[in-house]
């Protein structure tokens, strides 16, 4: 790993189960030398990513909260999806959940629009989800390019087999191809025994899958309905999000073009 990657690997150690770490424990966990590990911790503290809670003990810092606020205000996918998801949840009577995948690979939910008052979800915004369980991760995996998918398989072959997604690369790839062709995935009790869901991909204007959108409810409710009953409003919502992303990109391009067209003096004064 590069030095920046090694620095940020420290943040991955912190979890709800283990929220406090000492530098020597970090060094042991990651194999860093004592001077190097202490330097990395110091850099993270200075950046606000870690904070000292007592002598020699550290937790995640307030800068992370600030970045999450900024992300909520500026993430194009989230901004496009939130109003659509509110309407989708109200229309369908199910909770709408938006899920993304990022480098690692990791899968997290970034927004939930609630409709069922008593529905409890163990996974919420920011809590990593299992990579090979339930609909949203499978939708996201199904739309990855071959290269990244091969790397994921090589690093997680045993986990993939244990999840029932294929005992070899061919079976894994074939199963995901079927998900991609179907355009949706219905999960019944996979992630949580009491929950069911139907998930679809969300594309941007470049036809890249940027998220998975799901309707989630009690497993008996989801199982009792024909898939098409949930699939139709999901697909319409996904298309509405795509349209909003396209318009957002166009607006950003217009603003950029207008800024470049201004005289240099006016740009400096602005």
Foldseek 3Di string as FASTA:
>chain_A
DDLVVLLCVLVVVADPVHFKDFQVRSCVVSVHDSVSSVVSVVVCVVVQQWDDPDVRMIGGGPVVVVVLVVCCVDVLLNVLQVVLQQVLCVVQLFKKWKWFFDPVTWIATQDIHHRDPPDDDPGDHPDTADQQWDWFNLQLLLQDDPVVNVVVCVVCLVVCVVLVCDNDPVSNNVSSPVCVVVQKDWAACTRHNQKIKIKGFAAAPVRHGGIIMMGMDGRVVSVVDDPVSSVVSRVVSSVSSRVSRHVVVVVVVVVVVVLVPDDPVVNVVD
